PDB file of N, CA and C in Angstrom:
ATOM      1  N   MET A   1       0.818  -1.189   0.000  1.00  0.00           N
ATOM      2  CA  MET A   1       0.000   0.000   0.000  1.00  0.00           C
ATOM      3  C   MET A   1       0.869   1.262   0.000  1.00  0.00           C
ATOM      4  N   ILE A   2       1.968   1.246   0.718  1.00  0.00           N
ATOM      5  CA  ILE A   2       2.854   2.402   0.765  1.00  0.00           C
ATOM      6  C   ILE A   2       3.450   2.666  -0.611  1.00  0.00           C
ATOM      7  N   GLU A   3       3.844   1.596  -1.307  1.00  0.00           N
ATOM      8  CA  GLU A   3       4.384   1.762  -2.658  1.00  0.00           C
ATOM      9  C   GLU A   3       3.340   2.367  -3.584  1.00  0.00           C
ATOM     10  N   SER A   4       2.087   1.974  -3.420  1.00  0.00           N
ATOM     11  CA  SER A   4       1.002   2.509  -4.232  1.00  0.00           C
ATOM     12  C   SER A   4       0.831   4.008  -3.996  1.00  0.00           C
ATOM     13  N   MET A   5       0.844   4.413  -2.724  1.00  0.00           N
ATOM     14  CA  MET A   5       0.681   5.833  -2.400  1.00  0.00           C
ATOM     15  C   MET A   5       1.884   6.647  -2.883  1.00  0.00           C
ATOM     16  N   ALA A   6       3.093   6.106  -2.712  1.00  0.00           N
ATOM     17  CA  ALA A   6       4.295   6.816  -3.150  1.00  0.00           C
ATOM     18  C   ALA A   6       4.318   6.964  -4.668  1.00  0.00           C
ATOM     19  N   THR A   7       3.940   5.904  -5.382  1.00  0.00           N
ATOM     20  CA  THR A   7       3.908   5.968  -6.852  1.00  0.00           C
ATOM     21  C   THR A   7       2.915   7.021  -7.316  1.00  0.00           C
ATOM     22  N   ALA A   8       1.734   7.059  -6.704  1.00  0.00           N
ATOM     23  CA  ALA A   8       0.732   8.060  -7.067  1.00  0.00           C
ATOM     24  C   ALA A   8       1.244   9.468  -6.778  1.00  0.00           C
ATOM     25  N   ALA A   9       1.890   9.664  -5.623  1.00  0.00           N
ATOM     26  CA  ALA A   9       2.418  10.982  -5.272  1.00  0.00           C
ATOM     27  C   ALA A   9       3.481  11.438  -6.262  1.00  0.00           C
ATOM     28  N   VAL A  10       4.414  10.543  -6.594  1.00  0.00           N
ATOM     29  CA  VAL A  10       5.479  10.898  -7.542  1.00  0.00           C
ATOM     30  C   VAL A  10       4.889  11.225  -8.908  1.00  0.00           C
ATOM     31  N   ASP A  11       3.958  10.411  -9.379  1.00  0.00           N
ATOM     32  CA  ASP A  11       3.324  10.674 -10.680  1.00  0.00           C
ATOM     33  C   ASP A  11       2.606  12.015 -10.674  1.00  0.00           C
ATOM     34  N   ASN A  12       1.896  12.320  -9.580  1.00  0.00           N
ATOM     35  CA  ASN A  12       1.166  13.587  -9.498  1.00  0.00           C
ATOM     36  C   ASN A  12       2.099  14.789  -9.402  1.00  0.00           C
ATOM     37  N   ILE A  13       3.203  14.656  -8.681  1.00  0.00           N
ATOM     38  CA  ILE A  13       4.184  15.746  -8.595  1.00  0.00           C
ATOM     39  C   ILE A  13       4.788  16.000  -9.970  1.00  0.00           C
ATOM     40  N   LYS A  14       5.124  14.924 -10.676  1.00  0.00           N
ATOM     41  CA  LYS A  14       5.678  15.064 -12.036  1.00  0.00           C
ATOM     42  C   LYS A  14       4.687  15.779 -12.955  1.00  0.00           C
ATOM     43  N   LEU A  15       3.413  15.381 -12.888  1.00  0.00           N
ATOM     44  CA  LEU A  15       2.398  16.032 -13.720  1.00  0.00           C
ATOM     45  C   LEU A  15       2.234  17.507 -13.346  1.00  0.00           C
ATOM     46  N   ALA A  16       2.279  17.826 -12.043  1.00  0.00           N
ATOM     47  CA  ALA A  16       2.147  19.221 -11.596  1.00  0.00           C
ATOM     48  C   ALA A  16       3.319  20.067 -12.088  1.00  0.00           C
ATOM     49  N   ILE A  17       4.533  19.507 -12.056  1.00  0.00           N
ATOM     50  CA  ILE A  17       5.711  20.227 -12.550  1.00  0.00           C
ATOM     51  C   ILE A  17       5.588  20.496 -14.039  1.00  0.00           C
ATOM     52  N   GLU A  18       4.997  19.538 -14.767  1.00  0.00           N
ATOM     53  CA  GLU A  18       4.811  19.700 -16.212  1.00  0.00           C
ATOM     54  C   GLU A  18       3.625  20.600 -16.537  1.00  0.00           C
ATOM     55  N   GLY A  19       2.913  21.080 -15.512  1.00  0.00           N
ATOM     56  CA  GLY A  19       1.778  21.967 -15.716  1.00  0.00           C
ATOM     57  C   GLY A  19       0.497  21.240 -16.068  1.00  0.00           C
ATOM     58  N   LYS A  20       0.448  19.944 -15.844  1.00  0.00           N
ATOM     59  CA  LYS A  20      -0.741  19.149 -16.148  1.00  0.00           C
ATOM     60  C   LYS A  20      -1.520  18.877 -14.864  1.00  0.00           C
ATOM     61  N   GLU A  21      -2.758  18.470 -15.026  1.00  0.00           N
ATOM     62  CA  GLU A  21      -3.620  18.166 -13.887  1.00  0.00           C
ATOM     63  C   GLU A  21      -3.260  16.793 -13.302  1.00  0.00           C
ATOM     64  N   PRO A  22      -2.921  16.723 -12.002  1.00  0.00           N
ATOM     65  CA  PRO A  22      -2.619  15.431 -11.376  1.00  0.00           C
ATOM     66  C   PRO A  22      -3.847  14.519 -11.379  1.00  0.00           C
ATOM     67  N   HIS A  23      -3.662  13.247 -11.719  1.00  0.00           N
ATOM     68  CA  HIS A  23      -4.800  12.330 -11.781  1.00  0.00           C
ATOM     69  C   HIS A  23      -4.497  10.916 -11.254  1.00  0.00           C
ATOM     70  N   ALA A  24      -3.267  10.662 -10.855  1.00  0.00           N
ATOM     71  CA  ALA A  24      -2.911   9.321 -10.359  1.00  0.00           C
ATOM     72  C   ALA A  24      -3.547   9.074  -8.992  1.00  0.00           C
ATOM     73  N   LYS A  25      -4.105   7.875  -8.801  1.00  0.00           N
ATOM     74  CA  LYS A  25      -4.730   7.507  -7.536  1.00  0.00           C
ATOM     75  C   LYS A  25      -4.178   6.167  -7.074  1.00  0.00           C
ATOM     76  N   ALA A  26      -3.875   6.069  -5.789  1.00  0.00           N
ATOM     77  CA  ALA A  26      -3.380   4.815  -5.212  1.00  0.00           C
ATOM     78  C   ALA A  26      -4.500   3.776  -5.205  1.00  0.00           C
ATOM     79  N   SER A  27      -4.127   2.507  -5.307  1.00  0.00           N
ATOM     80  CA  SER A  27      -5.127   1.436  -5.357  1.00  0.00           C
ATOM     81  C   SER A  27      -5.614   1.016  -3.981  1.00  0.00           C
ATOM     82  N   TRP A  28      -4.886   1.315  -2.917  1.00  0.00           N
ATOM     83  CA  TRP A  28      -5.232   0.974  -1.545  1.00  0.00           C
ATOM     84  C   TRP A  28      -5.280  -0.530  -1.300  1.00  0.00           C
ATOM     85  N   SER A  29      -4.585  -1.307  -2.122  1.00  0.00           N
ATOM     86  CA  SER A  29      -4.455  -2.736  -1.874  1.00  0.00           C
ATOM     87  C   SER A  29      -3.282  -2.956  -0.921  1.00  0.00           C
ATOM     88  N   ALA A  30      -3.381  -3.965  -0.070  1.00  0.00           N
ATOM     89  CA  ALA A  30      -2.323  -4.218   0.906  1.00  0.00           C
ATOM     90  C   ALA A  30      -1.896  -5.679   0.865  1.00  0.00           C
ATOM     91  N   ILE A  31      -0.586  -5.880   0.813  1.00  0.00           N
ATOM     92  CA  ILE A  31       0.009  -7.206   0.963  1.00  0.00           C
ATOM     93  C   ILE A  31       1.017  -7.054   2.093  1.00  0.00           C
ATOM     94  N   CYS A  32       0.831  -7.805   3.165  1.00  0.00           N
ATOM     95  CA  CYS A  32       1.712  -7.645   4.319  1.00  0.00           C
ATOM     96  C   CYS A  32       2.221  -8.995   4.805  1.00  0.00           C
ATOM     97  N   LEU A  33       3.507  -9.006   5.183  1.00  0.00           N
ATOM     98  CA  LEU A  33       4.135 -10.162   5.811  1.00  0.00           C
ATOM     99  C   LEU A  33       4.668  -9.705   7.156  1.00  0.00           C
ATOM    100  N   GLY A  34       4.337 -10.430   8.211  1.00  0.00           N
ATOM    101  CA  GLY A  34       4.783 -10.052   9.542  1.00  0.00           C
ATOM    102  C   GLY A  34       5.563 -11.170  10.207  1.00  0.00           C
ATOM    103  N   ASP A  35       6.622 -10.802  10.906  1.00  0.00           N
ATOM    104  CA  ASP A  35       7.462 -11.747  11.631  1.00  0.00           C
ATOM    105  C   ASP A  35       7.090 -11.678  13.104  1.00  0.00           C
ATOM    106  N   MET A  36       6.818 -12.847  13.701  1.00  0.00           N
ATOM    107  CA  MET A  36       6.441 -12.887  15.114  1.00  0.00           C
ATOM    108  C   MET A  36       7.277 -13.947  15.833  1.00  0.00           C
ATOM    109  N   GLY A  37       8.588 -13.791  15.779  1.00  0.00           N
ATOM    110  CA  GLY A  37       9.471 -14.753  16.434  1.00  0.00           C
ATOM    111  C   GLY A  37       9.621 -16.028  15.637  1.00  0.00           C
ATOM    112  N   HIS A  38       9.041 -17.129  16.132  1.00  0.00           N
ATOM    113  CA  HIS A  38       9.146 -18.415  15.447  1.00  0.00           C
ATOM    114  C   HIS A  38       8.005 -18.642  14.465  1.00  0.00           C
ATOM    115  N   THR A  39       7.099 -17.718  14.363  1.00  0.00           N
ATOM    116  CA  THR A  39       5.970 -17.824  13.452  1.00  0.00           C
ATOM    117  C   THR A  39       5.799 -16.497  12.713  1.00  0.00           C
ATOM    118  N   GLY A  40       4.824 -16.409  11.856  1.00  0.00           N
ATOM    119  CA  GLY A  40       4.596 -15.172  11.110  1.00  0.00           C
ATOM    120  C   GLY A  40       3.181 -15.125  10.565  1.00  0.00           C
ATOM    121  N   THR A  41       2.820 -13.989   9.998  1.00  0.00           N
ATOM    122  CA  THR A  41       1.505 -13.824   9.395  1.00  0.00           C
ATOM    123  C   THR A  41       1.666 -13.224   8.010  1.00  0.00           C
ATOM    124  N   ALA A  42       0.668 -13.472   7.194  1.00  0.00           N
ATOM    125  CA  ALA A  42       0.588 -12.856   5.871  1.00  0.00           C
ATOM    126  C   ALA A  42      -0.867 -12.500   5.630  1.00  0.00           C
ATOM    127  N   PHE A  43      -1.100 -11.322   5.045  1.00  0.00           N
ATOM    128  CA  PHE A  43      -2.471 -11.014   4.664  1.00  0.00           C
ATOM    129  C   PHE A  43      -2.506 -10.169   3.408  1.00  0.00           C
ATOM    130  N   VAL A  44      -3.618 -10.314   2.708  1.00  0.00           N
ATOM    131  CA  VAL A  44      -3.904  -9.536   1.513  1.00  0.00           C
ATOM    132  C   VAL A  44      -5.273  -8.910   1.737  1.00  0.00           C
ATOM    133  N   ALA A  45      -5.382  -7.616   1.472  1.00  0.00           N
ATOM    134  CA  ALA A  45      -6.655  -6.913   1.595  1.00  0.00           C
ATOM    135  C   ALA A  45      -6.820  -6.015   0.380  1.00  0.00           C
ATOM    136  N   ILE A  46      -7.880  -6.223  -0.379  1.00  0.00           N
ATOM    137  CA  ILE A  46      -8.142  -5.418  -1.577  1.00  0.00           C
ATOM    138  C   ILE A  46      -9.565  -4.889  -1.470  1.00  0.00           C
ATOM    139  N   PRO A  47      -9.794  -3.611  -1.341  1.00  0.00           N
ATOM    140  CA  PRO A  47      -8.862  -2.604  -0.864  1.00  0.00           C
ATOM    141  C   PRO A  47      -8.616  -2.792   0.625  1.00  0.00           C
ATOM    142  N   GLN A  48      -7.692  -2.002   1.166  1.00  0.00           N
ATOM    143  CA  GLN A  48      -7.320  -2.172   2.570  1.00  0.00           C
ATOM    144  C   GLN A  48      -8.480  -1.820   3.489  1.00  0.00           C
ATOM    145  N   ASN A  49      -9.196  -0.762   3.161  1.00  0.00           N
ATOM    146  CA  ASN A  49     -10.308  -0.310   4.003  1.00  0.00           C
ATOM    147  C   ASN A  49     -11.600  -1.021   3.618  1.00  0.00           C
ATOM    148  N   PRO A  50     -12.452  -1.399   4.593  1.00  0.00           N
ATOM    149  CA  PRO A  50     -13.727  -2.053   4.288  1.00  0.00           C
ATOM    150  C   PRO A  50     -14.612  -1.135   3.465  1.00  0.00           C
ATOM    151  N   PRO A  51     -15.538  -1.626   2.664  1.00  0.00           N
ATOM    152  CA  PRO A  51     -15.798  -3.039   2.397  1.00  0.00           C
ATOM    153  C   PRO A  51     -14.745  -3.612   1.451  1.00  0.00           C
ATOM    154  N   ARG A  52     -14.255  -4.793   1.759  1.00  0.00           N
ATOM    155  CA  ARG A  52     -13.177  -5.404   0.980  1.00  0.00           C
ATOM    156  C   ARG A  52     -13.731  -6.389  -0.041  1.00  0.00           C
ATOM    157  N   ASN A  53     -13.070  -6.462  -1.195  1.00  0.00           N
ATOM    158  CA  ASN A  53     -13.383  -7.480  -2.189  1.00  0.00           C
ATOM    159  C   ASN A  53     -12.630  -8.767  -1.867  1.00  0.00           C
ATOM    160  N   VAL A  54     -11.429  -8.628  -1.286  1.00  0.00           N
ATOM    161  CA  VAL A  54     -10.597  -9.769  -0.919  1.00  0.00           C
ATOM    162  C   VAL A  54     -10.049  -9.530   0.477  1.00  0.00           C
ATOM    163  N   ALA A  55     -10.151 -10.520   1.326  1.00  0.00           N
ATOM    164  CA  ALA A  55      -9.547 -10.459   2.655  1.00  0.00           C
ATOM    165  C   ALA A  55      -9.027 -11.863   2.963  1.00  0.00           C
ATOM    166  N   TRP A  56      -7.715 -12.029   2.959  1.00  0.00           N
ATOM    167  CA  TRP A  56      -7.082 -13.332   3.156  1.00  0.00           C
ATOM    168  C   TRP A  56      -5.997 -13.197   4.205  1.00  0.00           C
ATOM    169  N   MET A  57      -5.931 -14.160   5.149  1.00  0.00           N
ATOM    170  CA  MET A  57      -4.900 -14.119   6.176  1.00  0.00           C
ATOM    171  C   MET A  57      -4.489 -15.532   6.548  1.00  0.00           C
ATOM    172  N   LYS A  58      -3.196 -15.720   6.751  1.00  0.00           N
ATOM    173  CA  LYS A  58      -2.645 -16.995   7.205  1.00  0.00           C
ATOM    174  C   LYS A  58      -1.618 -16.726   8.294  1.00  0.00           C
ATOM    175  N   LYS A  59      -1.466 -17.691   9.205  1.00  0.00           N
ATOM    176  CA  LYS A  59      -0.485 -17.585  10.284  1.00  0.00           C
ATOM    177  C   LYS A  59       0.253 -18.912  10.375  1.00  0.00           C
ATOM    178  N   GLY A  60       1.562 -18.852  10.644  1.00  0.00           N
ATOM    179  CA  GLY A  60       2.306 -20.090  10.836  1.00  0.00           C
ATOM    180  C   GLY A  60       3.782 -19.929  10.516  1.00  0.00           C
ATOM    181  N   LYS A  61       4.516 -21.027  10.682  1.00  0.00           N
ATOM    182  CA  LYS A  61       5.954 -21.003  10.429  1.00  0.00           C
ATOM    183  C   LYS A  61       6.260 -20.744   8.958  1.00  0.00           C
ATOM    184  N   MET A  62       5.394 -21.226   8.073  1.00  0.00           N
ATOM    185  CA  MET A  62       5.606 -21.010   6.639  1.00  0.00           C
ATOM    186  C   MET A  62       5.543 -19.516   6.294  1.00  0.00           C
ATOM    187  N   MET A  63       4.715 -18.767   6.994  1.00  0.00           N
ATOM    188  CA  MET A  63       4.601 -17.332   6.722  1.00  0.00           C
ATOM    189  C   MET A  63       5.878 -16.608   7.147  1.00  0.00           C
ATOM    190  N   ARG A  64       6.515 -17.071   8.225  1.00  0.00           N
ATOM    191  CA  ARG A  64       7.801 -16.484   8.627  1.00  0.00           C
ATOM    192  C   ARG A  64       8.851 -16.770   7.567  1.00  0.00           C
ATOM    193  N   ALA A  65       8.848 -17.986   7.014  1.00  0.00           N
ATOM    194  CA  ALA A  65       9.789 -18.335   5.943  1.00  0.00           C
ATOM    195  C   ALA A  65       9.529 -17.455   4.712  1.00  0.00           C
ATOM    196  N   ALA A  66       8.264 -17.184   4.426  1.00  0.00           N
ATOM    197  CA  ALA A  66       7.920 -16.305   3.304  1.00  0.00           C
ATOM    198  C   ALA A  66       8.439 -14.897   3.552  1.00  0.00           C
ATOM    199  N   LYS A  67       8.353 -14.421   4.789  1.00  0.00           N
ATOM    200  CA  LYS A  67       8.857 -13.080   5.141  1.00  0.00           C
ATOM    201  C   LYS A  67      10.367 -13.004   4.931  1.00  0.00           C
ATOM    202  N   VAL A  68      11.094 -14.015   5.396  1.00  0.00           N
ATOM    203  CA  VAL A  68      12.560 -14.042   5.228  1.00  0.00           C
ATOM    204  C   VAL A  68      12.912 -14.082   3.750  1.00  0.00           C
ATOM    205  N   ALA A  69      12.213 -14.917   2.978  1.00  0.00           N
ATOM    206  CA  ALA A  69      12.472 -15.011   1.528  1.00  0.00           C
ATOM    207  C   ALA A  69      12.186 -13.683   0.842  1.00  0.00           C
ATOM    208  N   PHE A  70      11.077 -13.024   1.228  1.00  0.00           N
ATOM    209  CA  PHE A  70      10.746 -11.743   0.620  1.00  0.00           C
ATOM    210  C   PHE A  70      11.797 -10.685   0.947  1.00  0.00           C
ATOM    211  N   GLU A  71      12.289 -10.660   2.185  1.00  0.00           N
ATOM    212  CA  GLU A  71      13.317  -9.683   2.561  1.00  0.00           C
ATOM    213  C   GLU A  71      14.556  -9.844   1.687  1.00  0.00           C
ATOM    214  N   LYS A  72      14.982 -11.092   1.455  1.00  0.00           N
ATOM    215  CA  LYS A  72      16.149 -11.347   0.605  1.00  0.00           C
ATOM    216  C   LYS A  72      15.882 -10.888  -0.823  1.00  0.00           C
ATOM    217  N   TYR A  73      14.672 -11.193  -1.326  1.00  0.00           N
ATOM    218  CA  TYR A  73      14.277 -10.772  -2.673  1.00  0.00           C
ATOM    219  C   TYR A  73      14.259  -9.250  -2.777  1.00  0.00           C
ATOM    220  N   PHE A  74      13.683  -8.581  -1.773  1.00  0.00           N
ATOM    221  CA  PHE A  74      13.563  -7.124  -1.795  1.00  0.00           C
ATOM    222  C   PHE A  74      14.933  -6.452  -1.771  1.00  0.00           C
ATOM    223  N   ILE A  75      15.835  -6.936  -0.914  1.00  0.00           N
ATOM    224  CA  ILE A  75      17.186  -6.359  -0.831  1.00  0.00           C
ATOM    225  C   ILE A  75      17.890  -6.504  -2.184  1.00  0.00           C
ATOM    226  N   ARG A  76      17.783  -7.692  -2.803  1.00  0.00           N
ATOM    227  CA  ARG A  76      18.402  -7.921  -4.119  1.00  0.00           C
ATOM    228  C   ARG A  76      17.821  -6.972  -5.164  1.00  0.00           C
ATOM    229  N   LYS A  77      16.509  -6.810  -5.130  1.00  0.00           N
ATOM    230  CA  LYS A  77      15.816  -5.929  -6.068  1.00  0.00           C
ATOM    231  C   LYS A  77      16.291  -4.485  -5.918  1.00  0.00           C
ATOM    232  N   MET A  78      16.448  -4.017  -4.694  1.00  0.00           N
ATOM    233  CA  MET A  78      16.882  -2.644  -4.454  1.00  0.00           C
ATOM    234  C   MET A  78      18.351  -2.445  -4.833  1.00  0.00           C
ATOM    235  N   LYS A  79      19.193  -3.450  -4.576  1.00  0.00           N
ATOM    236  CA  LYS A  79      20.603  -3.341  -4.960  1.00  0.00           C
ATOM    237  C   LYS A  79      20.751  -3.237  -6.472  1.00  0.00           C
ATOM    238  N   LYS A  80      19.859  -3.906  -7.202  1.00  0.00           N
ATOM    239  CA  LYS A  80      19.895  -3.845  -8.667  1.00  0.00           C
ATOM    240  C   LYS A  80      19.264  -2.554  -9.191  1.00  0.00           C
ATOM    241  N   GLY A  81      18.506  -1.863  -8.338  1.00  0.00           N
ATOM    242  CA  GLY A  81      17.869  -0.614  -8.749  1.00  0.00           C
ATOM    243  C   GLY A  81      16.579  -0.822  -9.518  1.00  0.00           C
ATOM    244  N   THR A  82      15.936  -1.957  -9.317  1.00  0.00           N
ATOM    245  CA  THR A  82      14.679  -2.262 -10.013  1.00  0.00           C
ATOM    246  C   THR A  82      13.547  -2.237  -9.003  1.00  0.00           C
ATOM    247  N   SER A  83      12.709  -1.217  -9.061  1.00  0.00           N
ATOM    248  CA  SER A  83      11.644  -1.119  -8.065  1.00  0.00           C
ATOM    249  C   SER A  83      10.470  -2.038  -8.378  1.00  0.00           C
ATOM    250  N   GLU A  84      10.178  -2.265  -9.646  1.00  0.00           N
ATOM    251  CA  GLU A  84       9.056  -3.131 -10.020  1.00  0.00           C
ATOM    252  C   GLU A  84       9.414  -3.911 -11.280  1.00  0.00           C
ATOM    253  N   PRO A  85      10.041  -5.088 -11.116  1.00  0.00           N
ATOM    254  CA  PRO A  85      10.363  -5.904 -12.287  1.00  0.00           C
ATOM    255  C   PRO A  85       9.090  -6.293 -13.032  1.00  0.00           C
ATOM    256  N   VAL A  86       9.203  -6.479 -14.319  1.00  0.00           N
ATOM    257  CA  VAL A  86       8.031  -6.768 -15.152  1.00  0.00           C
ATOM    258  C   VAL A  86       7.334  -8.045 -14.694  1.00  0.00           C
ATOM    259  N   TYR A  87       8.092  -9.070 -14.293  1.00  0.00           N
ATOM    260  CA  TYR A  87       7.446 -10.315 -13.856  1.00  0.00           C
ATOM    261  C   TYR A  87       6.648 -10.104 -12.572  1.00  0.00           C
ATOM    262  N   GLU A  88       7.127  -9.230 -11.693  1.00  0.00           N
ATOM    263  CA  GLU A  88       6.398  -8.931 -10.460  1.00  0.00           C
ATOM    264  C   GLU A  88       5.106  -8.197 -10.777  1.00  0.00           C
ATOM    265  N   LYS A  89       5.202  -7.236 -11.667  1.00  0.00           N
ATOM    266  CA  LYS A  89       4.029  -6.450 -12.045  1.00  0.00           C
ATOM    267  C   LYS A  89       2.928  -7.334 -12.611  1.00  0.00           C
ATOM    268  N   TYR A  90       3.288  -8.250 -13.526  1.00  0.00           N
ATOM    269  CA  TYR A  90       2.284  -9.099 -14.157  1.00  0.00           C
ATOM    270  C   TYR A  90       1.768 -10.187 -13.217  1.00  0.00           C
ATOM    271  N   MET A  91       2.618 -10.687 -12.330  1.00  0.00           N
ATOM    272  CA  MET A  91       2.171 -11.678 -11.361  1.00  0.00           C
ATOM    273  C   MET A  91       1.135 -11.065 -10.415  1.00  0.00           C
ATOM    274  N   LEU A  92       1.420  -9.859  -9.918  1.00  0.00           N
ATOM    275  CA  LEU A  92       0.471  -9.192  -9.033  1.00  0.00           C
ATOM    276  C   LEU A  92      -0.810  -8.823  -9.780  1.00  0.00           C
ATOM    277  N   LYS A  93      -0.676  -8.454 -11.050  1.00  0.00           N
ATOM    278  CA  LYS A  93      -1.854  -8.117 -11.843  1.00  0.00           C
ATOM    279  C   LYS A  93      -2.760  -9.341 -12.012  1.00  0.00           C
ATOM    280  N   MET A  94      -2.138 -10.528 -12.178  1.00  0.00           N
ATOM    281  CA  MET A  94      -2.921 -11.761 -12.283  1.00  0.00           C
ATOM    282  C   MET A  94      -3.700 -12.027 -10.998  1.00  0.00           C
ATOM    283  N   LEU A  95      -3.159 -11.608  -9.869  1.00  0.00           N
ATOM    284  CA  LEU A  95      -3.830 -11.769  -8.584  1.00  0.00           C
ATOM    285  C   LEU A  95      -4.842 -10.651  -8.313  1.00  0.00           C
ATOM    286  N   GLY A  96      -4.914  -9.679  -9.216  1.00  0.00           N
ATOM    287  CA  GLY A  96      -5.846  -8.567  -9.056  1.00  0.00           C
ATOM    288  C   GLY A  96      -5.313  -7.426  -8.227  1.00  0.00           C
ATOM    289  N   ILE A  97      -3.976  -7.350  -8.102  1.00  0.00           N
ATOM    290  CA  ILE A  97      -3.346  -6.318  -7.280  1.00  0.00           C
ATOM    291  C   ILE A  97      -2.546  -5.388  -8.181  1.00  0.00           C
ATOM    292  N   GLU A  98      -2.917  -4.106  -8.205  1.00  0.00           N
ATOM    293  CA  GLU A  98      -2.209  -3.119  -9.017  1.00  0.00           C
ATOM    294  C   GLU A  98      -1.830  -1.942  -8.151  1.00  0.00           C
ATOM    295  N   ARG A  99      -0.723  -1.254  -8.533  1.00  0.00           N
ATOM    296  CA  ARG A  99      -0.270  -0.087  -7.748  1.00  0.00           C
ATOM    297  C   ARG A  99      -1.210   1.086  -7.869  1.00  0.00           C
ATOM    298  N   LEU A 100      -1.624   1.373  -9.085  1.00  0.00           N
ATOM    299  CA  LEU A 100      -2.477   2.543  -9.325  1.00  0.00           C
ATOM    300  C   LEU A 100      -3.810   2.117  -9.914  1.00  0.00           C
ATOM    301  N   LYS A 101      -4.839   2.925  -9.634  1.00  0.00           N
ATOM    302  CA  LYS A 101      -6.167   2.664 -10.203  1.00  0.00           C
ATOM    303  C   LYS A 101      -6.182   3.062 -11.648  1.00  0.00           C
TER     304      LYS A 101
END
């Protein structure tokens, strides 16, 4: 959700600098992974605020492993300077999750 809001803000600032009307809107979808010691949680909420079209949550050791794997993936992605690889964009789109409306 934070990436969605930041992308919308950057797009709108760019449009304002160019003298155009800002129109980018965040999607308010949320994908979260949480670490809770020996276990973890994961949830997806589309949109984040009720009423939701999708609300999914899981808890367990597998979710902690997913969090660790995602952290490694995210660090690698940032070191390469790629904020949204094309495969990530299309995979999330298949799940119905987009950054901007």
